[in-house]
């Protein structure tokens, strides 16, 4: 977990695919992944980004049921490491 870059926020929204597309390019967002019906968002700072995510999605007409900071699981850390700068792609 110490290897993960950033903080993990989990979003609960009925439109997870559209939410993922919208927030992917936001400043402060490191990565966005779908885990079932939840959107796992790795951000630079959870405390400042949670409200920004909610505001942006609301402006796009997407309801957010819940946003919570969570402890990353092994899969979150693995995905974070694969997407971090300096990681070489396998050929």
C-alpha atoms as a PDB file:
ATOM      1  CA  UNK A   1       0.000   0.000   0.000  1.00  0.00           C
ATOM      2  CA  UNK A   2       2.925   2.302   0.577  1.00  0.00           C
ATOM      3  CA  UNK A   3       3.830   1.797  -3.091  1.00  0.00           C
ATOM      4  CA  UNK A   4       0.639   3.434  -4.316  1.00  0.00           C
ATOM      5  CA  UNK A   5       0.963   6.973  -5.603  1.00  0.00           C
ATOM      6  CA  UNK A   6      -1.887   9.106  -4.232  1.00  0.00           C
ATOM      7  CA  UNK A   7      -5.058   8.468  -2.255  1.00  0.00           C
ATOM      8  CA  UNK A   8      -7.963   6.213  -3.184  1.00  0.00           C
ATOM      9  CA  UNK A   9     -11.513   7.516  -3.428  1.00  0.00           C
ATOM     10  CA  UNK A  10     -14.412   5.207  -4.218  1.00  0.00           C
ATOM     11  CA  UNK A  11     -17.395   6.721  -6.033  1.00  0.00           C
ATOM     12  CA  UNK A  12     -20.851   5.247  -6.051  1.00  0.00           C
ATOM     13  CA  UNK A  13     -22.873   6.504  -9.017  1.00  0.00           C
ATOM     14  CA  UNK A  14     -25.515   4.986 -11.296  1.00  0.00           C
ATOM     15  CA  UNK A  15     -23.565   6.164 -14.368  1.00  0.00           C
ATOM     16  CA  UNK A  16     -20.082   4.838 -13.616  1.00  0.00           C
ATOM     17  CA  UNK A  17     -18.845   4.625 -17.228  1.00  0.00           C
ATOM     18  CA  UNK A  18     -19.715   8.231 -18.028  1.00  0.00           C
ATOM     19  CA  UNK A  19     -18.310   9.373 -14.674  1.00  0.00           C
ATOM     20  CA  UNK A  20     -15.041   7.617 -15.482  1.00  0.00           C
ATOM     21  CA  UNK A  21     -14.773   9.399 -18.831  1.00  0.00           C
ATOM     22  CA  UNK A  22     -15.497  12.823 -17.342  1.00  0.00           C
ATOM     23  CA  UNK A  23     -13.118  12.697 -14.390  1.00  0.00           C
ATOM     24  CA  UNK A  24     -10.239  10.947 -16.156  1.00  0.00           C
ATOM     25  CA  UNK A  25      -8.756  14.186 -17.427  1.00  0.00           C
ATOM     26  CA  UNK A  26      -9.203  16.294 -14.302  1.00  0.00           C
ATOM     27  CA  UNK A  27      -6.217  17.886 -12.600  1.00  0.00           C
ATOM     28  CA  UNK A  28      -5.373  15.954  -9.459  1.00  0.00           C
ATOM     29  CA  UNK A  29      -6.695  12.642 -10.816  1.00  0.00           C
ATOM     30  CA  UNK A  30      -3.957  10.033 -11.157  1.00  0.00           C
ATOM     31  CA  UNK A  31      -6.096   7.163 -12.477  1.00  0.00           C
ATOM     32  CA  UNK A  32      -9.706   5.992 -12.756  1.00  0.00           C
ATOM     33  CA  UNK A  33     -10.764   2.344 -12.879  1.00  0.00           C
ATOM     34  CA  UNK A  34     -14.100   0.547 -12.764  1.00  0.00           C
ATOM     35  CA  UNK A  35     -14.393  -2.183 -10.151  1.00  0.00           C
ATOM     36  CA  UNK A  36     -17.835  -3.670 -10.661  1.00  0.00           C
ATOM     37  CA  UNK A  37     -20.392  -0.919 -10.013  1.00  0.00           C
ATOM     38  CA  UNK A  38     -17.871   1.290  -8.207  1.00  0.00           C
ATOM     39  CA  UNK A  39     -15.430   3.825  -9.602  1.00  0.00           C
ATOM     40  CA  UNK A  40     -11.982   3.722  -7.981  1.00  0.00           C
ATOM     41  CA  UNK A  41     -10.248   7.067  -8.374  1.00  0.00           C
ATOM     42  CA  UNK A  42      -6.632   7.606  -7.342  1.00  0.00           C
ATOM     43  CA  UNK A  43      -6.098  11.284  -6.613  1.00  0.00           C
ATOM     44  CA  UNK A  44      -3.219  13.418  -5.406  1.00  0.00           C
ATOM     45  CA  UNK A  45      -5.074  14.530  -2.233  1.00  0.00           C
ATOM     46  CA  UNK A  46      -8.346  12.903  -1.153  1.00  0.00           C
ATOM     47  CA  UNK A  47      -9.499  15.700   1.136  1.00  0.00           C
ATOM     48  CA  UNK A  48      -9.416  18.372  -1.565  1.00  0.00           C
ATOM     49  CA  UNK A  49     -10.486  16.209  -4.510  1.00  0.00           C
ATOM     50  CA  UNK A  50     -13.662  14.570  -3.169  1.00  0.00           C
ATOM     51  CA  UNK A  51     -15.731  17.753  -3.408  1.00  0.00           C
ATOM     52  CA  UNK A  52     -14.185  18.709  -6.781  1.00  0.00           C
ATOM     53  CA  UNK A  53     -15.202  15.330  -8.216  1.00  0.00           C
ATOM     54  CA  UNK A  54     -18.742  15.672  -6.862  1.00  0.00           C
ATOM     55  CA  UNK A  55     -19.071  19.217  -8.281  1.00  0.00           C
ATOM     56  CA  UNK A  56     -17.748  18.250 -11.710  1.00  0.00           C
ATOM     57  CA  UNK A  57     -20.008  15.223 -12.027  1.00  0.00           C
ATOM     58  CA  UNK A  58     -23.017  17.198 -10.772  1.00  0.00           C
ATOM     59  CA  UNK A  59     -22.330  19.871 -13.404  1.00  0.00           C
ATOM     60  CA  UNK A  60     -22.473  17.098 -16.026  1.00  0.00           C
ATOM     61  CA  UNK A  61     -25.788  15.791 -14.662  1.00  0.00           C
ATOM     62  CA  UNK A  62     -24.343  12.720 -12.965  1.00  0.00           C
ATOM     63  CA  UNK A  63     -25.629  11.884  -9.498  1.00  0.00           C
ATOM     64  CA  UNK A  64     -23.067  10.746  -6.944  1.00  0.00           C
ATOM     65  CA  UNK A  65     -24.547   8.611  -4.197  1.00  0.00           C
ATOM     66  CA  UNK A  66     -21.381   8.421  -2.148  1.00  0.00           C
ATOM     67  CA  UNK A  67     -17.681   9.315  -2.228  1.00  0.00           C
ATOM     68  CA  UNK A  68     -15.424   7.820   0.406  1.00  0.00           C
ATOM     69  CA  UNK A  69     -11.722   7.497   0.979  1.00  0.00           C
ATOM     70  CA  UNK A  70     -10.634   3.885   1.219  1.00  0.00           C
ATOM     71  CA  UNK A  71      -7.585   1.798   1.955  1.00  0.00           C
ATOM     72  CA  UNK A  72      -6.341   0.420  -1.376  1.00  0.00           C
ATOM     73  CA  UNK A  73      -6.514  -3.326  -1.871  1.00  0.00           C
ATOM     74  CA  UNK A  74      -3.872  -5.372  -3.680  1.00  0.00           C
ATOM     75  CA  UNK A  75      -5.530  -4.869  -7.064  1.00  0.00           C
ATOM     76  CA  UNK A  76      -5.641  -1.075  -6.599  1.00  0.00           C
ATOM     77  CA  UNK A  77      -1.921  -1.030  -5.785  1.00  0.00           C
ATOM     78  CA  UNK A  78      -1.093  -3.282  -8.734  1.00  0.00           C
ATOM     79  CA  UNK A  79      -3.018  -1.070 -11.196  1.00  0.00           C
ATOM     80  CA  UNK A  80      -1.413   2.037  -9.701  1.00  0.00           C
ATOM     81  CA  UNK A  81       2.063   0.584 -10.178  1.00  0.00           C
ATOM     82  CA  UNK A  82       1.301  -0.360 -13.782  1.00  0.00           C
ATOM     83  CA  UNK A  83       0.184   3.194 -14.544  1.00  0.00           C
ATOM     84  CA  UNK A  84       2.903   5.046 -12.649  1.00  0.00           C
ATOM     85  CA  UNK A  85       5.558   7.004 -14.575  1.00  0.00           C
ATOM     86  CA  UNK A  86       8.726   5.084 -15.194  1.00  0.00           C
ATOM     87  CA  UNK A  87       6.951   1.749 -15.519  1.00  0.00           C
ATOM     88  CA  UNK A  88       8.156   0.016 -18.655  1.00  0.00           C
ATOM     89  CA  UNK A  89       5.615  -1.525 -20.974  1.00  0.00           C
ATOM     90  CA  UNK A  90       5.935  -5.221 -21.757  1.00  0.00           C
ATOM     91  CA  UNK A  91       6.360  -6.075 -25.408  1.00  0.00           C
END
